[in-house]
Amino acid sequence: MTTVGQRLSGIWNHPAGPKTIHFWAPTFKWAISLANIADFQRPAEQVSYPQQLAVTATGLIWSRFSFVITPVNYNLFAVNAAMATTGLYQLSRKAASDMSTGGPAEAA
C-alpha cells in the first residue's frame, strides 16, 4: 500500500510533473478554455468564425498529439479536448444565429 507521501513524490517526479514544462504549458493553456467559457454569455453575433475555428482546430490537433509524444501528457489532452469542445460549441452558436437571421452579421 502506498502512502500519501509516496503518491505526491510520484506526481512531483513524473516526466510530465510540476517540475517540467510538460506540466506548466498545458496548465496555463486552460486560460484559453476558461475565456471561451466566459464568452458563452456574449451575443452569438460577436463570436468570430476564424477565432473559433483556430481554437477548435488547435484543440483537435493537440489532443491527438498529446498521446503521441513521450511522456504521454493527460493534462495536455484534457485542456485541448476542452478547447475543441468549447470551440465547437461557440461555432454552433454562431452558425445557429446566422441561420436564424438569414446570414452572417454585417460588418460594422
Protein backbone atom coordinates (compact mmCIF):
# COMPACT_ATOMS: atom_id res chain seq x y z
CA MET A 1 0.00 0.00 0.00
CA THR A 2 1.37 3.42 -0.93
CA THR A 3 1.40 6.36 1.38
CA VAL A 4 0.29 9.88 0.53
CA GLY A 5 3.92 10.97 0.54
CA GLN A 6 4.85 8.31 -1.99
CA ARG A 7 1.97 9.35 -4.26
CA LEU A 8 2.92 13.02 -4.06
CA SER A 9 6.55 12.13 -4.71
CA GLY A 10 5.46 10.14 -7.77
CA ILE A 11 3.47 13.08 -9.12
CA TRP A 12 6.30 15.52 -8.35
CA ASN A 13 8.92 13.37 -10.09
CA HIS A 14 6.75 12.30 -13.05
CA PRO A 15 8.20 13.13 -16.51
CA ALA A 16 5.19 15.43 -17.07
CA GLY A 17 5.05 16.63 -13.47
CA PRO A 18 5.20 20.12 -11.96
CA LYS A 19 8.99 20.32 -12.34
CA THR A 20 8.67 20.31 -16.15
CA ILE A 21 7.33 22.48 -18.94
CA HIS A 22 5.15 19.48 -19.87
CA PHE A 23 3.03 20.37 -16.85
CA TRP A 24 3.03 24.17 -16.88
CA ALA A 25 2.37 24.85 -20.58
CA PRO A 26 -0.96 22.96 -20.64
CA THR A 27 -1.86 24.30 -17.20
CA PHE A 28 -1.61 27.90 -18.40
CA LYS A 29 -3.40 26.97 -21.64
CA TRP A 30 -6.52 26.37 -19.54
CA ALA A 31 -6.94 30.17 -19.56
CA ILE A 32 -7.98 29.95 -23.24
CA SER A 33 -10.72 27.44 -22.47
CA LEU A 34 -11.88 29.44 -19.45
CA ALA A 35 -12.03 32.61 -21.57
CA ASN A 36 -14.04 30.73 -24.18
CA ILE A 37 -16.45 29.53 -21.48
CA ALA A 38 -16.81 33.11 -20.24
CA ASP A 39 -17.68 34.11 -23.82
CA PHE A 40 -20.73 31.83 -23.74
CA GLN A 41 -22.52 34.86 -22.30
CA ARG A 42 -21.58 37.08 -25.27
CA PRO A 43 -24.15 37.50 -28.03
CA ALA A 44 -23.55 34.92 -30.76
CA GLU A 45 -23.26 37.74 -33.31
CA GLN A 46 -19.99 38.77 -31.66
CA VAL A 47 -18.41 35.32 -31.97
CA SER A 48 -15.63 35.16 -34.54
CA TYR A 49 -15.59 32.27 -37.01
CA PRO A 50 -11.80 32.46 -37.63
CA GLN A 51 -11.00 32.61 -33.90
CA GLN A 52 -13.27 29.70 -33.00
CA LEU A 53 -12.06 27.64 -35.96
CA ALA A 54 -8.49 28.17 -34.73
CA VAL A 55 -9.42 27.21 -31.16
CA THR A 56 -11.24 24.09 -32.37
CA ALA A 57 -8.50 23.01 -34.79
CA THR A 58 -5.80 23.57 -32.17
CA GLY A 59 -7.76 21.52 -29.67
CA LEU A 60 -8.30 18.63 -32.08
CA ILE A 61 -4.73 18.52 -33.38
CA TRP A 62 -3.04 18.74 -29.98
CA SER A 63 -5.47 16.28 -28.39
CA ARG A 64 -4.15 13.66 -30.77
CA PHE A 65 -0.56 14.79 -30.34
CA SER A 66 -0.77 14.52 -26.54
CA PHE A 67 -0.91 10.73 -26.86
CA VAL A 68 1.89 10.51 -29.44
CA ILE A 69 4.55 12.41 -27.51
CA THR A 70 6.65 10.96 -24.71
CA PRO A 71 5.73 11.26 -21.92
CA VAL A 72 2.01 10.85 -22.60
CA ASN A 73 0.50 14.03 -21.21
CA TYR A 74 -3.06 13.73 -19.91
CA ASN A 75 -3.13 17.37 -18.81
CA LEU A 76 -2.34 18.40 -22.40
CA PHE A 77 -5.08 16.09 -23.66
CA ALA A 78 -7.67 17.44 -21.22
CA VAL A 79 -7.01 21.10 -21.98
CA ASN A 80 -7.10 20.53 -25.73
CA ALA A 81 -10.25 18.43 -25.55
CA ALA A 82 -11.82 21.31 -23.61
CA MET A 83 -10.61 23.78 -26.24
CA ALA A 84 -12.09 21.70 -29.06
CA THR A 85 -15.38 21.29 -27.21
CA THR A 86 -15.78 24.96 -26.33
CA GLY A 87 -14.76 25.99 -29.86
CA LEU A 88 -17.31 23.64 -31.43
CA TYR A 89 -19.98 24.94 -29.08
CA GLN A 90 -19.19 28.55 -30.00
CA LEU A 91 -19.20 27.68 -33.71
CA SER A 92 -22.60 26.01 -33.35
CA ARG A 93 -23.97 29.07 -31.53
CA LYS A 94 -22.66 31.37 -34.28
CA ALA A 95 -23.99 29.16 -37.11
CA ALA A 96 -27.44 28.89 -35.47
CA SER A 97 -27.53 32.65 -35.00
CA ASP A 98 -26.52 33.28 -38.61
CA MET A 99 -29.15 30.85 -39.92
CA SER A 100 -31.90 32.43 -37.83
CA THR A 101 -31.03 35.95 -39.02
CA GLY A 102 -30.57 34.97 -42.65
CA GLY A 103 -26.77 35.20 -42.88
CA PRO A 104 -23.64 36.47 -41.19
CA ALA A 105 -23.98 39.76 -39.35
CA GLU A 106 -22.98 42.83 -41.35
CA ALA A 107 -19.57 44.24 -40.58
CA ALA A 108 -19.80 47.45 -38.60
